[in-house]
Protein backbone atom coordinates (compact mmCIF):
# COMPACT_ATOMS: atom_id res chain seq x y z
CA UNK A 1 -10.66 4.56 -28.48
CA UNK A 2 -11.95 2.54 -25.58
CA UNK A 3 -9.94 4.04 -22.74
CA UNK A 4 -10.89 1.33 -20.24
CA UNK A 5 -9.53 -1.37 -22.51
CA UNK A 6 -6.36 0.62 -23.17
CA UNK A 7 -5.84 1.13 -19.43
CA UNK A 8 -6.47 -2.56 -18.73
CA UNK A 9 -3.77 -3.48 -21.26
CA UNK A 10 -1.38 -0.91 -19.75
CA UNK A 11 -2.09 -2.15 -16.23
CA UNK A 12 -1.37 -5.75 -17.22
CA UNK A 13 1.91 -4.76 -18.86
CA UNK A 14 3.15 -2.41 -16.14
CA UNK A 15 2.46 -5.05 -13.48
CA UNK A 16 4.67 -7.60 -15.24
CA UNK A 17 1.98 -9.43 -17.16
CA UNK A 18 1.76 -10.33 -20.80
CA UNK A 19 -0.82 -9.21 -23.32
CA UNK A 20 -1.85 -11.64 -26.02
CA UNK A 21 -2.94 -10.08 -29.31
CA UNK A 22 -5.26 -12.98 -30.11
CA UNK A 23 -6.66 -13.07 -26.59
CA UNK A 24 -7.43 -9.37 -26.39
CA UNK A 25 -8.92 -9.28 -29.90
CA UNK A 26 -11.16 -12.26 -29.12
CA UNK A 27 -12.17 -11.06 -25.66
CA UNK A 28 -13.09 -7.53 -26.69
CA UNK A 29 -14.02 -8.05 -30.34
CA UNK A 30 -11.17 -5.86 -31.57
CA UNK A 31 -9.63 -5.91 -34.99
CA UNK A 32 -5.89 -6.51 -35.11
CA UNK A 33 -5.47 -3.04 -36.53
CA UNK A 34 -7.11 -1.51 -33.45
CA UNK A 35 -5.01 -3.70 -31.16
CA UNK A 36 -1.81 -2.50 -32.84
CA UNK A 37 -2.97 1.11 -32.56
CA UNK A 38 -3.55 0.65 -28.82
CA UNK A 39 -0.10 -0.91 -28.42
CA UNK A 40 1.46 2.05 -30.28
CA UNK A 41 -0.30 4.44 -27.89
CA UNK A 42 0.98 2.54 -24.86
CA UNK A 43 4.50 2.43 -26.35
CA UNK A 44 4.45 6.18 -27.01
CA UNK A 45 3.33 6.86 -23.44
CA UNK A 46 6.09 4.67 -22.03
CA UNK A 47 8.74 6.35 -24.19
CA UNK A 48 7.71 9.72 -22.87
CA UNK A 49 7.01 8.98 -19.21
CA UNK A 50 8.84 5.73 -18.42
CA UNK A 51 11.80 5.59 -20.80
CA UNK A 52 13.34 2.66 -18.90
CA UNK A 53 10.34 0.47 -19.89
CA UNK A 54 10.14 -0.90 -23.42
CA UNK A 55 7.43 -3.09 -24.88
CA UNK A 56 8.87 -6.28 -26.32
CA UNK A 57 7.39 -9.20 -28.22
CA UNK A 58 7.70 -12.86 -27.23
CA UNK A 59 9.76 -15.13 -29.47
CA UNK A 60 6.69 -16.65 -31.07
CA UNK A 61 5.19 -13.18 -31.61
CA UNK A 62 2.03 -13.99 -29.66
CA UNK A 63 2.48 -11.89 -26.53
CA UNK A 64 3.67 -8.43 -25.57
CA UNK A 65 5.44 -7.60 -22.32
CA UNK A 66 7.52 -4.82 -20.77
CA UNK A 67 11.27 -5.22 -20.70
CA UNK A 68 13.12 -2.96 -18.25
């Protein structure tokens, strides 16, 4: 696991930004499977330490964001 990439995704989300699956995969050369694994890790962390924050998916399914 590339911890810097995971933290960059977390930082974007926690600061109100959106994370695009296609964008992240293209920028970092990730497979979709790895991207989903990273998102599961971030979701698990939020459930444990910030239960008021939930990762949600945009209507078109292209971006992830935190819903409070």
